[in-house]
């Protein structure tokens, strides 16, 4: 199992819409997350920034992330959610930017 932490900006005027969307995540999106070997997925918000944490239990992270990206229902979800977010590098998915920026784990204790 590998732990991942990621960050991205959130447009302040979209905060309530983002929260509402995540109170009602589409079942197909949740199923895809599970199928891609992601567990314990959590998103936190603070001062214009989103922080996500999840645990990856698979053995081919790139392939599992590609599977998520190829899923039509996930693509629909992203079409709705992406305009609410602000990638740290300022690039879109189409421009090859890292949408959520992966951050380094520096400490962990069980």
C-alpha atoms as a PDB file:
ATOM      1  CA  UNK A   1       0.000   0.000   0.000  1.00  0.00           C
ATOM      2  CA  UNK A   2       1.231   3.496  -0.859  1.00  0.00           C
ATOM      3  CA  UNK A   3      -0.170   6.735   0.570  1.00  0.00           C
ATOM      4  CA  UNK A   4      -0.717   9.752  -1.708  1.00  0.00           C
ATOM      5  CA  UNK A   5      -1.258  13.395  -0.807  1.00  0.00           C
ATOM      6  CA  UNK A   6      -2.243  15.924  -3.460  1.00  0.00           C
ATOM      7  CA  UNK A   7      -3.224  19.592  -3.569  1.00  0.00           C
ATOM      8  CA  UNK A   8      -5.107  21.896  -5.934  1.00  0.00           C
ATOM      9  CA  UNK A   9      -6.697  25.322  -5.714  1.00  0.00           C
ATOM     10  CA  UNK A  10     -10.447  25.848  -5.565  1.00  0.00           C
ATOM     11  CA  UNK A  11     -12.231  28.943  -6.871  1.00  0.00           C
ATOM     12  CA  UNK A  12     -13.728  30.532  -3.744  1.00  0.00           C
ATOM     13  CA  UNK A  13     -17.044  31.290  -5.427  1.00  0.00           C
ATOM     14  CA  UNK A  14     -17.449  27.573  -6.232  1.00  0.00           C
ATOM     15  CA  UNK A  15     -16.826  26.205  -2.704  1.00  0.00           C
ATOM     16  CA  UNK A  16     -20.451  25.488  -1.806  1.00  0.00           C
ATOM     17  CA  UNK A  17     -21.134  23.880  -5.202  1.00  0.00           C
ATOM     18  CA  UNK A  18     -18.010  21.715  -4.788  1.00  0.00           C
ATOM     19  CA  UNK A  19     -19.081  20.619  -1.314  1.00  0.00           C
ATOM     20  CA  UNK A  20     -22.591  19.805  -2.547  1.00  0.00           C
ATOM     21  CA  UNK A  21     -21.200  17.774  -5.459  1.00  0.00           C
ATOM     22  CA  UNK A  22     -19.086  15.728  -3.078  1.00  0.00           C
ATOM     23  CA  UNK A  23     -22.015  15.045  -0.772  1.00  0.00           C
ATOM     24  CA  UNK A  24     -23.593  13.294  -3.755  1.00  0.00           C
ATOM     25  CA  UNK A  25     -20.757  11.744  -5.761  1.00  0.00           C
ATOM     26  CA  UNK A  26     -22.126   9.663  -8.613  1.00  0.00           C
ATOM     27  CA  UNK A  27     -22.069   5.914  -7.805  1.00  0.00           C
ATOM     28  CA  UNK A  28     -20.243   5.103 -11.045  1.00  0.00           C
ATOM     29  CA  UNK A  29     -17.422   7.464 -10.093  1.00  0.00           C
ATOM     30  CA  UNK A  30     -17.118   5.879  -6.655  1.00  0.00           C
ATOM     31  CA  UNK A  31     -17.124   2.387  -8.207  1.00  0.00           C
ATOM     32  CA  UNK A  32     -14.333   3.401 -10.580  1.00  0.00           C
ATOM     33  CA  UNK A  33     -12.238   4.711  -7.689  1.00  0.00           C
ATOM     34  CA  UNK A  34     -12.603   1.390  -5.906  1.00  0.00           C
ATOM     35  CA  UNK A  35     -11.935  -0.620  -9.078  1.00  0.00           C
ATOM     36  CA  UNK A  36      -8.715   1.372  -9.521  1.00  0.00           C
ATOM     37  CA  UNK A  37      -7.449   0.150  -6.140  1.00  0.00           C
ATOM     38  CA  UNK A  38      -7.911   3.427  -4.271  1.00  0.00           C
ATOM     39  CA  UNK A  39      -8.990   3.227  -0.645  1.00  0.00           C
ATOM     40  CA  UNK A  40      -9.505   5.672   2.218  1.00  0.00           C
ATOM     41  CA  UNK A  41      -9.941   8.602  -0.195  1.00  0.00           C
ATOM     42  CA  UNK A  42     -10.483  11.900   1.582  1.00  0.00           C
ATOM     43  CA  UNK A  43     -10.570  15.542   0.450  1.00  0.00           C
ATOM     44  CA  UNK A  44     -10.000  18.419   2.888  1.00  0.00           C
ATOM     45  CA  UNK A  45     -10.459  22.161   2.287  1.00  0.00           C
ATOM     46  CA  UNK A  46      -8.580  25.114   3.771  1.00  0.00           C
ATOM     47  CA  UNK A  47      -8.262  28.722   2.632  1.00  0.00           C
ATOM     48  CA  UNK A  48      -8.780  28.202  -1.096  1.00  0.00           C
ATOM     49  CA  UNK A  49      -6.902  24.895  -1.277  1.00  0.00           C
ATOM     50  CA  UNK A  50      -8.053  21.298  -1.508  1.00  0.00           C
ATOM     51  CA  UNK A  51      -5.897  18.539  -0.026  1.00  0.00           C
ATOM     52  CA  UNK A  52      -6.607  14.935  -0.935  1.00  0.00           C
ATOM     53  CA  UNK A  53      -5.326  11.799   0.717  1.00  0.00           C
ATOM     54  CA  UNK A  54      -5.756   8.219  -0.454  1.00  0.00           C
ATOM     55  CA  UNK A  55      -4.168   4.824  -0.174  1.00  0.00           C
ATOM     56  CA  UNK A  56      -3.307   2.871  -3.316  1.00  0.00           C
ATOM     57  CA  UNK A  57      -3.365  -0.916  -2.914  1.00  0.00           C
ATOM     58  CA  UNK A  58      -2.725  -1.973  -6.529  1.00  0.00           C
ATOM     59  CA  UNK A  59       0.503  -2.827  -8.310  1.00  0.00           C
ATOM     60  CA  UNK A  60       0.255  -0.628 -11.454  1.00  0.00           C
ATOM     61  CA  UNK A  61      -0.651   2.920 -10.471  1.00  0.00           C
ATOM     62  CA  UNK A  62      -0.260   4.378 -13.973  1.00  0.00           C
ATOM     63  CA  UNK A  63      -2.551   1.754 -15.522  1.00  0.00           C
ATOM     64  CA  UNK A  64      -5.176   2.222 -12.819  1.00  0.00           C
ATOM     65  CA  UNK A  65      -5.105   6.008 -13.247  1.00  0.00           C
ATOM     66  CA  UNK A  66      -5.433   5.554 -17.033  1.00  0.00           C
ATOM     67  CA  UNK A  67      -8.467   3.317 -16.426  1.00  0.00           C
ATOM     68  CA  UNK A  68     -10.097   6.071 -14.366  1.00  0.00           C
ATOM     69  CA  UNK A  69      -9.291   8.691 -17.016  1.00  0.00           C
ATOM     70  CA  UNK A  70     -10.792   6.545 -19.789  1.00  0.00           C
ATOM     71  CA  UNK A  71     -14.078   5.991 -17.966  1.00  0.00           C
ATOM     72  CA  UNK A  72     -16.895   7.987 -19.653  1.00  0.00           C
ATOM     73  CA  UNK A  73     -18.789   8.692 -16.416  1.00  0.00           C
ATOM     74  CA  UNK A  74     -15.585   9.928 -14.732  1.00  0.00           C
ATOM     75  CA  UNK A  75     -14.960  12.179 -17.743  1.00  0.00           C
ATOM     76  CA  UNK A  76     -18.454  13.656 -17.289  1.00  0.00           C
ATOM     77  CA  UNK A  77     -17.718  14.220 -13.587  1.00  0.00           C
ATOM     78  CA  UNK A  78     -14.461  16.001 -14.444  1.00  0.00           C
ATOM     79  CA  UNK A  79     -16.254  18.204 -17.004  1.00  0.00           C
ATOM     80  CA  UNK A  80     -18.438  19.429 -14.137  1.00  0.00           C
ATOM     81  CA  UNK A  81     -15.816  19.595 -11.359  1.00  0.00           C
ATOM     82  CA  UNK A  82     -12.665  20.742 -13.202  1.00  0.00           C
ATOM     83  CA  UNK A  83     -13.879  24.336 -13.812  1.00  0.00           C
ATOM     84  CA  UNK A  84     -14.185  24.728 -10.035  1.00  0.00           C
ATOM     85  CA  UNK A  85     -10.517  23.879  -9.492  1.00  0.00           C
ATOM     86  CA  UNK A  86      -7.271  25.750 -10.158  1.00  0.00           C
ATOM     87  CA  UNK A  87      -4.204  23.564 -10.842  1.00  0.00           C
ATOM     88  CA  UNK A  88      -1.055  24.882  -9.198  1.00  0.00           C
ATOM     89  CA  UNK A  89       0.880  24.858 -12.478  1.00  0.00           C
ATOM     90  CA  UNK A  90      -1.945  26.710 -14.244  1.00  0.00           C
ATOM     91  CA  UNK A  91      -2.269  24.104 -17.006  1.00  0.00           C
ATOM     92  CA  UNK A  92      -5.306  22.161 -18.135  1.00  0.00           C
ATOM     93  CA  UNK A  93      -5.437  18.393 -18.484  1.00  0.00           C
ATOM     94  CA  UNK A  94      -5.223  18.884 -22.258  1.00  0.00           C
ATOM     95  CA  UNK A  95      -2.017  20.918 -21.887  1.00  0.00           C
ATOM     96  CA  UNK A  96      -0.392  18.034 -20.046  1.00  0.00           C
ATOM     97  CA  UNK A  97      -0.282  19.719 -16.681  1.00  0.00           C
ATOM     98  CA  UNK A  98      -0.508  17.803 -13.434  1.00  0.00           C
ATOM     99  CA  UNK A  99      -4.107  18.514 -12.426  1.00  0.00           C
ATOM    100  CA  UNK A 100      -3.727  17.703  -8.722  1.00  0.00           C
ATOM    101  CA  UNK A 101      -0.118  18.289  -7.624  1.00  0.00           C
ATOM    102  CA  UNK A 102       1.365  15.287  -5.840  1.00  0.00           C
ATOM    103  CA  UNK A 103       3.075  16.261  -2.598  1.00  0.00           C
ATOM    104  CA  UNK A 104       5.869  14.509  -0.762  1.00  0.00           C
ATOM    105  CA  UNK A 105       5.158  12.461   2.342  1.00  0.00           C
ATOM    106  CA  UNK A 106       7.654  13.489   5.017  1.00  0.00           C
ATOM    107  CA  UNK A 107       6.270  11.751   8.092  1.00  0.00           C
ATOM    108  CA  UNK A 108       3.919   8.925   8.965  1.00  0.00           C
ATOM    109  CA  UNK A 109       3.173   6.952  12.106  1.00  0.00           C
ATOM    110  CA  UNK A 110       0.555   4.232  12.662  1.00  0.00           C
END
